[in-house]
C-alpha atoms as a PDB file:
ATOM      1  CA  MET A   1     -18.010  31.737   3.907  1.00  0.00           C
ATOM      2  CA  SER A   2     -14.747  33.593   3.738  1.00  0.00           C
ATOM      3  CA  ASP A   3     -13.098  31.105   6.713  1.00  0.00           C
ATOM      4  CA  SER A   4     -13.697  28.270   4.891  1.00  0.00           C
ATOM      5  CA  ILE A   5     -12.730  28.856   1.654  1.00  0.00           C
ATOM      6  CA  LYS A   6      -9.465  29.161   3.180  1.00  0.00           C
ATOM      7  CA  GLN A   7      -8.935  25.681   4.177  1.00  0.00           C
ATOM      8  CA  ASN A   8      -6.630  22.876   2.498  1.00  0.00           C
ATOM      9  CA  VAL A   9      -7.927  19.787   1.728  1.00  0.00           C
ATOM     10  CA  GLN A  10      -5.921  17.643   3.239  1.00  0.00           C
ATOM     11  CA  TRP A  11      -6.165  13.687   2.969  1.00  0.00           C
ATOM     12  CA  PHE A  12      -3.277  11.073   3.722  1.00  0.00           C
ATOM     13  CA  PRO A  13      -5.283   7.794   5.909  1.00  0.00           C
ATOM     14  CA  GLY A  14      -2.760   4.904   7.568  1.00  0.00           C
ATOM     15  CA  HIS A  15      -4.037   2.274   4.671  1.00  0.00           C
ATOM     16  CA  MET A  16      -2.084   4.584   2.122  1.00  0.00           C
ATOM     17  CA  ALA A  17       0.917   4.374   3.860  1.00  0.00           C
ATOM     18  CA  LYS A  18       0.860   0.451   4.249  1.00  0.00           C
ATOM     19  CA  THR A  19       0.194   0.735   0.354  1.00  0.00           C
ATOM     20  CA  ARG A  20       3.084   2.189  -0.638  1.00  0.00           C
ATOM     21  CA  ARG A  21       5.420  -0.113   1.292  1.00  0.00           C
ATOM     22  CA  LEU A  22       3.308  -2.947  -0.605  1.00  0.00           C
ATOM     23  CA  ILE A  23       4.443  -1.325  -4.068  1.00  0.00           C
ATOM     24  CA  LYS A  24       7.778  -1.504  -2.850  1.00  0.00           C
ATOM     25  CA  GLU A  25       7.356  -4.831  -1.911  1.00  0.00           C
ATOM     26  CA  CYS A  26       5.391  -6.083  -5.503  1.00  0.00           C
ATOM     27  CA  LEU A  27       7.745  -4.545  -7.822  1.00  0.00           C
ATOM     28  CA  PRO A  28      10.737  -7.025  -7.502  1.00  0.00           C
ATOM     29  CA  SER A  29       7.943  -9.629  -9.256  1.00  0.00           C
ATOM     30  CA  VAL A  30       6.787  -6.991 -11.745  1.00  0.00           C
ATOM     31  CA  ASP A  31       8.182  -5.728 -15.198  1.00  0.00           C
ATOM     32  CA  ALA A  32       6.736  -2.204 -15.677  1.00  0.00           C
ATOM     33  CA  VAL A  33       4.224   0.033 -13.567  1.00  0.00           C
ATOM     34  CA  THR A  34       0.967   1.802 -15.384  1.00  0.00           C
ATOM     35  CA  GLU A  35      -0.377   4.451 -13.995  1.00  0.00           C
ATOM     36  CA  ILE A  36      -3.705   5.715 -14.261  1.00  0.00           C
ATOM     37  CA  LEU A  37      -3.945   9.780 -14.164  1.00  0.00           C
ATOM     38  CA  ASP A  38      -7.260  11.706 -14.977  1.00  0.00           C
ATOM     39  CA  ALA A  39      -7.126  13.527 -18.233  1.00  0.00           C
ATOM     40  CA  ARG A  40      -8.662  16.520 -16.765  1.00  0.00           C
ATOM     41  CA  MET A  41      -5.925  16.963 -14.568  1.00  0.00           C
ATOM     42  CA  PRO A  42      -2.489  15.395 -15.284  1.00  0.00           C
ATOM     43  CA  ILE A  43      -0.653  16.663 -13.288  1.00  0.00           C
ATOM     44  CA  SER A  44      -2.995  16.694  -9.524  1.00  0.00           C
ATOM     45  CA  SER A  45      -3.802  13.078 -10.404  1.00  0.00           C
ATOM     46  CA  SER A  46      -0.402  11.854 -10.940  1.00  0.00           C
ATOM     47  CA  ASN A  47       1.488  10.856  -7.615  1.00  0.00           C
ATOM     48  CA  PRO A  48       4.795  12.480  -7.144  1.00  0.00           C
ATOM     49  CA  GLU A  49       6.259   9.480  -5.339  1.00  0.00           C
ATOM     50  CA  LEU A  50       6.111   7.268  -7.886  1.00  0.00           C
ATOM     51  CA  ASN A  51       8.736   7.688  -9.738  1.00  0.00           C
ATOM     52  CA  GLU A  52      10.902   7.650  -6.665  1.00  0.00           C
ATOM     53  CA  LEU A  53       9.343   4.407  -5.574  1.00  0.00           C
ATOM     54  CA  ILE A  54       9.460   2.687  -9.054  1.00  0.00           C
ATOM     55  CA  GLY A  55      12.611   3.249  -9.831  1.00  0.00           C
ATOM     56  CA  ASN A  56      14.205   2.091 -13.060  1.00  0.00           C
ATOM     57  CA  LYS A  57      10.872   0.396 -13.776  1.00  0.00           C
ATOM     58  CA  PRO A  58       9.405   1.116 -17.273  1.00  0.00           C
ATOM     59  CA  LEU A  59       6.186   3.378 -16.857  1.00  0.00           C
ATOM     60  CA  ILE A  60       3.266   4.111 -19.257  1.00  0.00           C
ATOM     61  CA  VAL A  61       0.610   6.388 -18.252  1.00  0.00           C
ATOM     62  CA  LEU A  62      -3.386   6.357 -19.368  1.00  0.00           C
ATOM     63  CA  LEU A  63      -5.161   9.565 -19.569  1.00  0.00           C
ATOM     64  CA  ASN A  64      -8.052   7.997 -18.286  1.00  0.00           C
ATOM     65  CA  LYS A  65     -11.691   9.881 -18.811  1.00  0.00           C
ATOM     66  CA  CYS A  66     -10.551  11.490 -22.045  1.00  0.00           C
ATOM     67  CA  ASP A  67     -14.273  11.085 -22.813  1.00  0.00           C
ATOM     68  CA  VAL A  68     -14.838  14.260 -20.603  1.00  0.00           C
ATOM     69  CA  ALA A  69     -11.849  16.160 -20.832  1.00  0.00           C
ATOM     70  CA  ASP A  70     -11.037  18.977 -23.567  1.00  0.00           C
ATOM     71  CA  GLU A  71      -9.843  16.819 -26.412  1.00  0.00           C
ATOM     72  CA  ASN A  72      -7.030  20.140 -27.378  1.00  0.00           C
ATOM     73  CA  ALA A  73      -5.584  20.325 -24.387  1.00  0.00           C
ATOM     74  CA  THR A  74      -5.290  16.052 -23.788  1.00  0.00           C
ATOM     75  CA  ARG A  75      -3.556  16.274 -27.522  1.00  0.00           C
ATOM     76  CA  ARG A  76      -0.989  18.848 -25.468  1.00  0.00           C
ATOM     77  CA  TRP A  77      -0.698  16.674 -22.621  1.00  0.00           C
ATOM     78  CA  LEU A  78       0.062  13.992 -24.884  1.00  0.00           C
ATOM     79  CA  ASN A  79       2.863  15.933 -26.359  1.00  0.00           C
ATOM     80  CA  TYR A  80       4.075  16.951 -23.112  1.00  0.00           C
ATOM     81  CA  PHE A  81       4.721  13.181 -21.591  1.00  0.00           C
ATOM     82  CA  ASN A  82       6.520  12.245 -24.937  1.00  0.00           C
ATOM     83  CA  GLU A  83       8.317  15.058 -25.040  1.00  0.00           C
ATOM     84  CA  LYS A  84       9.478  14.201 -21.255  1.00  0.00           C
ATOM     85  CA  GLY A  85      10.035   9.942 -22.593  1.00  0.00           C
ATOM     86  CA  ILE A  86       7.085   9.171 -20.902  1.00  0.00           C
ATOM     87  CA  TYR A  87       4.892   6.567 -22.614  1.00  0.00           C
ATOM     88  CA  ALA A  88       1.351   7.895 -23.044  1.00  0.00           C
ATOM     89  CA  LEU A  89      -2.390   7.352 -24.135  1.00  0.00           C
ATOM     90  CA  ALA A  90      -5.962   8.799 -24.128  1.00  0.00           C
ATOM     91  CA  VAL A  91      -8.451   6.568 -23.036  1.00  0.00           C
ATOM     92  CA  ASP A  92     -11.746   5.820 -21.732  1.00  0.00           C
ATOM     93  CA  CYS A  93     -11.752   2.779 -19.251  1.00  0.00           C
ATOM     94  CA  LYS A  94     -15.802   2.568 -19.409  1.00  0.00           C
ATOM     95  CA  SER A  95     -16.432   2.358 -23.067  1.00  0.00           C
ATOM     96  CA  GLY A  96     -12.839   0.516 -23.566  1.00  0.00           C
ATOM     97  CA  ASN A  97     -12.354   3.979 -26.063  1.00  0.00           C
ATOM     98  CA  GLY A  98      -8.095   4.045 -27.301  1.00  0.00           C
ATOM     99  CA  LEU A  99      -7.671   0.606 -24.722  1.00  0.00           C
ATOM    100  CA  ASN A 100      -7.126  -1.210 -28.292  1.00  0.00           C
ATOM    101  CA  LYS A 101      -3.209   0.173 -28.070  1.00  0.00           C
ATOM    102  CA  TYR A 102      -2.437  -0.706 -24.724  1.00  0.00           C
ATOM    103  CA  ALA A 103      -1.346  -4.175 -24.825  1.00  0.00           C
ATOM    104  CA  PRO A 104       1.068  -3.244 -28.239  1.00  0.00           C
ATOM    105  CA  LEU A 105       2.755  -0.594 -26.963  1.00  0.00           C
ATOM    106  CA  LEU A 106       2.993  -2.461 -23.817  1.00  0.00           C
ATOM    107  CA  ARG A 107       5.224  -4.910 -25.860  1.00  0.00           C
ATOM    108  CA  GLU A 108       6.859  -2.369 -27.679  1.00  0.00           C
ATOM    109  CA  VAL A 109       7.912  -0.784 -24.519  1.00  0.00           C
ATOM    110  CA  LEU A 110       8.813  -4.121 -22.858  1.00  0.00           C
ATOM    111  CA  LYS A 111      10.724  -5.821 -26.269  1.00  0.00           C
ATOM    112  CA  ASP A 112      13.965  -6.397 -24.586  1.00  0.00           C
ATOM    113  CA  LYS A 113      12.465  -8.158 -21.977  1.00  0.00           C
ATOM    114  CA  ILE A 114      10.834 -10.042 -24.112  1.00  0.00           C
ATOM    115  CA  ALA A 115      13.396 -10.767 -26.038  1.00  0.00           C
ATOM    116  CA  SER A 116      15.434 -11.577 -22.981  1.00  0.00           C
ATOM    117  CA  ASN A 117      13.048 -14.131 -21.817  1.00  0.00           C
ATOM    118  CA  GLU A 118      13.089 -16.258 -25.161  1.00  0.00           C
ATOM    119  CA  ALA A 119      16.642 -16.424 -25.345  1.00  0.00           C
ATOM    120  CA  LYS A 120      16.404 -18.339 -21.568  1.00  0.00           C
ATOM    121  CA  GLY A 121      14.224 -20.631 -23.484  1.00  0.00           C
ATOM    122  CA  MET A 122      11.377 -18.767 -21.354  1.00  0.00           C
ATOM    123  CA  ILE A 123       8.833 -17.867 -24.747  1.00  0.00           C
ATOM    124  CA  GLY A 124       5.365 -16.847 -23.814  1.00  0.00           C
ATOM    125  CA  LYS A 125       6.384 -15.773 -20.212  1.00  0.00           C
ATOM    126  CA  PRO A 126       3.875 -13.363 -18.990  1.00  0.00           C
ATOM    127  CA  LEU A 127       4.279 -10.056 -18.622  1.00  0.00           C
ATOM    128  CA  ARG A 128       3.324  -8.625 -15.040  1.00  0.00           C
ATOM    129  CA  ILE A 129       2.530  -5.391 -15.211  1.00  0.00           C
ATOM    130  CA  MET A 130       1.907  -3.333 -11.749  1.00  0.00           C
ATOM    131  CA  VAL A 131      -1.583  -0.663 -11.743  1.00  0.00           C
ATOM    132  CA  VAL A 132      -1.271   2.282  -9.670  1.00  0.00           C
ATOM    133  CA  GLY A 133      -2.841   5.346  -9.756  1.00  0.00           C
ATOM    134  CA  ILE A 134      -4.710   7.434  -7.118  1.00  0.00           C
ATOM    135  CA  PRO A 135      -8.516   7.173  -5.683  1.00  0.00           C
ATOM    136  CA  ASN A 136     -11.023   7.556  -8.276  1.00  0.00           C
ATOM    137  CA  THR A 137      -8.851   7.601 -11.660  1.00  0.00           C
ATOM    138  CA  GLY A 138     -10.378   4.564 -12.913  1.00  0.00           C
ATOM    139  CA  LYS A 139      -8.164   1.741 -11.948  1.00  0.00           C
ATOM    140  CA  SER A 140     -10.394  -0.790 -11.428  1.00  0.00           C
ATOM    141  CA  SER A 141     -12.545   0.113 -14.611  1.00  0.00           C
ATOM    142  CA  PHE A 142      -9.226  -0.461 -16.630  1.00  0.00           C
ATOM    143  CA  ILE A 143      -8.529  -3.924 -15.469  1.00  0.00           C
ATOM    144  CA  ASN A 144     -12.412  -4.985 -15.627  1.00  0.00           C
ATOM    145  CA  ARG A 145     -12.208  -3.658 -18.866  1.00  0.00           C
ATOM    146  CA  MET A 146      -9.077  -5.218 -19.636  1.00  0.00           C
ATOM    147  CA  ALA A 147      -9.853  -8.722 -18.356  1.00  0.00           C
ATOM    148  CA  GLY A 148     -13.303  -8.978 -19.856  1.00  0.00           C
ATOM    149  CA  ARG A 149     -14.975  -9.710 -16.785  1.00  0.00           C
ATOM    150  CA  ASN A 150     -16.326  -7.509 -14.040  1.00  0.00           C
ATOM    151  CA  ARG A 151     -13.695  -9.460 -11.183  1.00  0.00           C
ATOM    152  CA  ALA A 152     -12.071  -5.278 -10.231  1.00  0.00           C
ATOM    153  CA  LYS A 153     -14.107  -3.415  -7.130  1.00  0.00           C
ATOM    154  CA  VAL A 154     -15.537  -0.458  -8.568  1.00  0.00           C
ATOM    155  CA  ALA A 155     -17.166   2.418  -7.109  1.00  0.00           C
ATOM    156  CA  ASP A 156     -17.734   6.243  -7.223  1.00  0.00           C
ATOM    157  CA  LYS A 157     -16.271   6.460  -3.708  1.00  0.00           C
ATOM    158  CA  ALA A 158     -12.546   6.436  -2.852  1.00  0.00           C
ATOM    159  CA  GLY A 159     -10.815   4.349  -1.666  1.00  0.00           C
ATOM    160  CA  VAL A 160     -12.342   0.843  -2.456  1.00  0.00           C
ATOM    161  CA  THR A 161      -9.339  -1.249  -3.742  1.00  0.00           C
ATOM    162  CA  ARG A 162      -7.873  -2.621  -0.397  1.00  0.00           C
ATOM    163  CA  HIS A 163      -5.658  -5.087  -1.171  1.00  0.00           C
ATOM    164  CA  ASN A 164      -3.554  -6.377  -4.167  1.00  0.00           C
ATOM    165  CA  GLN A 165      -4.909  -8.551  -6.352  1.00  0.00           C
ATOM    166  CA  TRP A 166      -3.670 -10.190  -9.263  1.00  0.00           C
ATOM    167  CA  PHE A 167      -5.988 -10.436 -13.011  1.00  0.00           C
ATOM    168  CA  VAL A 168      -4.621 -12.466 -16.105  1.00  0.00           C
ATOM    169  CA  ILE A 169      -5.499 -10.365 -19.307  1.00  0.00           C
ATOM    170  CA  GLU A 170      -5.267 -11.466 -23.007  1.00  0.00           C
ATOM    171  CA  ASN A 171      -1.816 -12.662 -24.336  1.00  0.00           C
ATOM    172  CA  GLY A 172      -0.355 -13.429 -21.647  1.00  0.00           C
ATOM    173  CA  ILE A 173      -0.176  -9.922 -20.047  1.00  0.00           C
ATOM    174  CA  GLU A 174      -0.793 -10.061 -15.926  1.00  0.00           C
ATOM    175  CA  LEU A 175      -1.882  -6.992 -14.285  1.00  0.00           C
ATOM    176  CA  LEU A 176      -1.757  -6.591 -10.520  1.00  0.00           C
ATOM    177  CA  ASP A 177      -4.174  -3.763  -8.854  1.00  0.00           C
ATOM    178  CA  THR A 178      -2.991  -2.071  -5.912  1.00  0.00           C
ATOM    179  CA  PRO A 179      -5.349   0.367  -3.722  1.00  0.00           C
ATOM    180  CA  GLY A 180      -5.142   3.963  -4.462  1.00  0.00           C
ATOM    181  CA  VAL A 181      -2.587   6.020  -2.661  1.00  0.00           C
ATOM    182  CA  LEU A 182      -2.863   9.742  -2.519  1.00  0.00           C
ATOM    183  CA  TRP A 183       0.485  11.369  -0.651  1.00  0.00           C
ATOM    184  CA  PRO A 184       1.029  12.801   2.505  1.00  0.00           C
ATOM    185  CA  LYS A 185       0.017  16.375   1.358  1.00  0.00           C
ATOM    186  CA  PHE A 186      -0.404  18.709  -1.324  1.00  0.00           C
ATOM    187  CA  ASP A 187       1.953  21.612  -1.990  1.00  0.00           C
ATOM    188  CA  ASP A 188      -0.384  23.562  -3.691  1.00  0.00           C
ATOM    189  CA  PRO A 189      -3.700  23.665  -2.573  1.00  0.00           C
ATOM    190  CA  LYS A 190      -5.100  23.909  -5.596  1.00  0.00           C
ATOM    191  CA  ILE A 191      -3.876  19.949  -6.190  1.00  0.00           C
ATOM    192  CA  GLY A 192      -6.111  19.569  -3.369  1.00  0.00           C
ATOM    193  CA  ASP A 193      -9.073  21.776  -4.387  1.00  0.00           C
ATOM    194  CA  ARG A 194      -9.191  19.573  -7.987  1.00  0.00           C
ATOM    195  CA  LEU A 195      -8.777  15.654  -6.442  1.00  0.00           C
ATOM    196  CA  ALA A 196     -11.281  16.722  -4.679  1.00  0.00           C
ATOM    197  CA  PHE A 197     -13.417  18.036  -7.804  1.00  0.00           C
ATOM    198  CA  ILE A 198     -13.235  14.588  -9.416  1.00  0.00           C
ATOM    199  CA  GLY A 199     -13.674  12.644  -5.427  1.00  0.00           C
ATOM    200  CA  SER A 200     -10.574  11.438  -5.074  1.00  0.00           C
ATOM    201  CA  VAL A 201     -10.702  12.991  -2.096  1.00  0.00           C
ATOM    202  CA  LYS A 202     -13.201  11.302   0.567  1.00  0.00           C
ATOM    203  CA  ASP A 203     -16.341  13.621   0.794  1.00  0.00           C
ATOM    204  CA  GLU A 204     -16.290  13.698   4.085  1.00  0.00           C
ATOM    205  CA  VAL A 205     -13.019  15.391   4.619  1.00  0.00           C
ATOM    206  CA  PHE A 206     -14.179  19.240   2.836  1.00  0.00           C
ATOM    207  CA  ASP A 207     -17.096  21.198   2.977  1.00  0.00           C
ATOM    208  CA  SER A 208     -19.193  20.607  -0.299  1.00  0.00           C
ATOM    209  CA  GLU A 209     -20.779  24.134  -0.338  1.00  0.00           C
ATOM    210  CA  THR A 210     -16.876  25.678  -0.047  1.00  0.00           C
ATOM    211  CA  LEU A 211     -15.900  22.748  -3.047  1.00  0.00           C
ATOM    212  CA  ALA A 212     -18.496  23.706  -4.914  1.00  0.00           C
ATOM    213  CA  VAL A 213     -17.750  27.587  -4.530  1.00  0.00           C
ATOM    214  CA  ARG A 214     -14.091  26.983  -5.295  1.00  0.00           C
ATOM    215  CA  LEU A 215     -15.079  24.740  -8.559  1.00  0.00           C
ATOM    216  CA  LEU A 216     -17.112  27.759  -9.967  1.00  0.00           C
ATOM    217  CA  GLU A 217     -14.519  30.187  -9.266  1.00  0.00           C
ATOM    218  CA  VAL A 218     -12.098  27.766 -11.604  1.00  0.00           C
ATOM    219  CA  LEU A 219     -15.370  27.679 -14.134  1.00  0.00           C
ATOM    220  CA  SER A 220     -16.498  30.758 -14.858  1.00  0.00           C
ATOM    221  CA  ARG A 221     -13.159  31.717 -15.638  1.00  0.00           C
ATOM    222  CA  ASP A 222     -11.678  29.153 -17.309  1.00  0.00           C
ATOM    223  CA  TYR A 223     -14.982  27.721 -19.484  1.00  0.00           C
ATOM    224  CA  PRO A 224     -17.850  29.983 -18.916  1.00  0.00           C
ATOM    225  CA  ASP A 225     -19.556  28.537 -21.848  1.00  0.00           C
ATOM    226  CA  ARG A 226     -19.763  25.089 -20.095  1.00  0.00           C
ATOM    227  CA  LEU A 227     -21.714  26.764 -17.159  1.00  0.00           C
ATOM    228  CA  SER A 228     -24.122  29.139 -19.094  1.00  0.00           C
ATOM    229  CA  GLU A 229     -25.329  26.061 -21.399  1.00  0.00           C
ATOM    230  CA  ARG A 230     -25.699  23.816 -18.373  1.00  0.00           C
ATOM    231  CA  TYR A 231     -27.989  26.112 -16.197  1.00  0.00           C
ATOM    232  CA  LYS A 232     -29.042  28.372 -18.504  1.00  0.00           C
ATOM    233  CA  ILE A 233     -27.069  31.114 -17.343  1.00  0.00           C
ATOM    234  CA  ASP A 234     -27.267  34.622 -19.743  1.00  0.00           C
ATOM    235  CA  ASP A 235     -24.543  36.494 -17.921  1.00  0.00           C
ATOM    236  CA  PHE A 236     -22.854  36.111 -14.658  1.00  0.00           C
ATOM    237  CA  SER A 237     -19.640  38.243 -15.451  1.00  0.00           C
ATOM    238  CA  GLU A 238     -20.287  40.314 -12.646  1.00  0.00           C
ATOM    239  CA  LEU A 239     -21.145  37.723  -9.741  1.00  0.00           C
ATOM    240  CA  GLU A 240     -19.068  36.345  -7.373  1.00  0.00           C
ATOM    241  CA  ALA A 241     -19.090  32.121  -7.257  1.00  0.00           C
ATOM    242  CA  TYR A 242     -21.265  31.914  -3.925  1.00  0.00           C
ATOM    243  CA  GLU A 243     -23.405  34.333  -6.317  1.00  0.00           C
ATOM    244  CA  ILE A 244     -23.181  32.091  -9.203  1.00  0.00           C
ATOM    245  CA  LEU A 245     -24.208  28.935  -6.704  1.00  0.00           C
ATOM    246  CA  GLU A 246     -27.203  31.050  -5.398  1.00  0.00           C
ATOM    247  CA  LEU A 247     -28.459  31.457  -8.578  1.00  0.00           C
ATOM    248  CA  ILE A 248     -27.941  27.747  -9.962  1.00  0.00           C
ATOM    249  CA  GLY A 249     -29.789  26.457  -6.953  1.00  0.00           C
ATOM    250  CA  ARG A 250     -32.846  29.123  -8.379  1.00  0.00           C
ATOM    251  CA  LYS A 251     -32.830  28.313 -11.301  1.00  0.00           C
ATOM    252  CA  ARG A 252     -33.159  24.411 -10.416  1.00  0.00           C
ATOM    253  CA  GLY A 253     -35.799  24.869  -8.048  1.00  0.00           C
ATOM    254  CA  MET A 254     -33.805  24.198  -5.012  1.00  0.00           C
ATOM    255  CA  MET A 255     -35.629  26.054  -2.377  1.00  0.00           C
ATOM    256  CA  MET A 256     -36.405  25.949   1.152  1.00  0.00           C
ATOM    257  CA  ARG A 257     -38.874  27.683   3.093  1.00  0.00           C
ATOM    258  CA  GLY A 258     -38.684  31.319   3.591  1.00  0.00           C
ATOM    259  CA  GLY A 259     -37.491  31.341  -0.055  1.00  0.00           C
ATOM    260  CA  GLU A 260     -34.165  30.680   0.591  1.00  0.00           C
ATOM    261  CA  ILE A 261     -31.723  28.914  -1.467  1.00  0.00           C
ATOM    262  CA  ASP A 262     -30.565  25.997  -0.723  1.00  0.00           C
ATOM    263  CA  THR A 263     -27.084  25.576  -1.553  1.00  0.00           C
ATOM    264  CA  LEU A 264     -25.830  22.553   0.179  1.00  0.00           C
ATOM    265  CA  ARG A 265     -28.588  20.892  -2.464  1.00  0.00           C
ATOM    266  CA  ALA A 266     -26.778  22.983  -5.104  1.00  0.00           C
ATOM    267  CA  SER A 267     -23.317  22.059  -4.026  1.00  0.00           C
ATOM    268  CA  ILE A 268     -24.012  18.545  -4.127  1.00  0.00           C
ATOM    269  CA  MET A 269     -25.623  18.405  -7.293  1.00  0.00           C
ATOM    270  CA  LEU A 270     -22.764  20.571  -9.307  1.00  0.00           C
ATOM    271  CA  LEU A 271     -20.082  18.311  -7.961  1.00  0.00           C
ATOM    272  CA  ASP A 272     -21.818  14.829  -9.158  1.00  0.00           C
ATOM    273  CA  GLU A 273     -22.649  16.629 -12.727  1.00  0.00           C
ATOM    274  CA  TYR A 274     -19.173  17.956 -12.882  1.00  0.00           C
ATOM    275  CA  ARG A 275     -17.975  14.365 -11.950  1.00  0.00           C
ATOM    276  CA  ALA A 276     -20.374  12.795 -14.483  1.00  0.00           C
ATOM    277  CA  GLY A 277     -19.263  14.696 -17.377  1.00  0.00           C
ATOM    278  CA  LYS A 278     -22.477  16.884 -17.657  1.00  0.00           C
ATOM    279  CA  LEU A 279     -20.637  19.919 -17.792  1.00  0.00           C
ATOM    280  CA  GLY A 280     -19.004  18.804 -21.246  1.00  0.00           C
ATOM    281  CA  ARG A 281     -15.590  17.906 -22.092  1.00  0.00           C
ATOM    282  CA  ILE A 282     -13.105  19.778 -19.217  1.00  0.00           C
ATOM    283  CA  THR A 283      -9.650  20.319 -18.620  1.00  0.00           C
ATOM    284  CA  LEU A 284      -8.170  21.742 -15.498  1.00  0.00           C
ATOM    285  CA  ASP A 285      -4.618  21.903 -15.378  1.00  0.00           C
ATOM    286  CA  THR A 286      -2.662  23.674 -17.954  1.00  0.00           C
ATOM    287  CA  ILE A 287       1.097  22.538 -18.891  1.00  0.00           C
ATOM    288  CA  GLY A 288       3.590  24.963 -16.535  1.00  0.00           C
ATOM    289  CA  GLU A 289       1.256  25.469 -14.072  1.00  0.00           C
ATOM    290  CA  PHE A 290       3.128  23.751 -11.522  1.00  0.00           C
ATOM    291  CA  ASP A 291       6.881  24.272 -13.038  1.00  0.00           C
ATOM    292  CA  GLY A 292       8.972  25.896 -10.740  1.00  0.00           C
END
């Protein structure tokens, strides 16, 4: 286990390089860019290449899945983006929570563009917005909710949307969906881990037991009460992460012949429950963590 724990997640398939080129090619035809982030890890799920890619196009970030993120942490992250002059909203694209603020914010951000269009006699010209984000942060769910019909492809697996698609939504706004893009490498191994935790990196890339142990290391340190409540563990303060995994497997009855605990099955269950928000509201990124 110790050797595999040291392995870092790396993932940059060829179609993602192509997507970066497509983004550059489509930028001249859009008025602004919206980036979908995972509210549980706003920095880890952001693309550090995006600012360079989009140049001077206005940017709005949506902290999606805020329903499974720590509410206090989300408020701090909204303040963080606002202080940096970045427009930000906390939303839940599946339920639609917070999305009613998106169109009004977009029109406020693009008010000069709207006025310019009207001055040129192009009253009501659609605002065209490129929607970007790494895999599995909820781009398709956002577009489906905004379009009011299930037109964009949605799945829990990373890398479903492969081609640019336009969708018309309310009041003259058009959204351009793009395939999810990761960057060539993760400078901090914690970022690679966290992207794997939420399923942004394909499951085939990593070992499930290794990833589950890494997740338990974080949760047992930062959110021990969530683990205790979900898995009915009274005290694990003296246990290593792998021992906690074994205990979870035992409590869930995941036993094999000879009384051995099926830690692989327990790992898959833990990751699935974390991704589904069954462990409660958890935010893994902290402000200032990646500074410097």
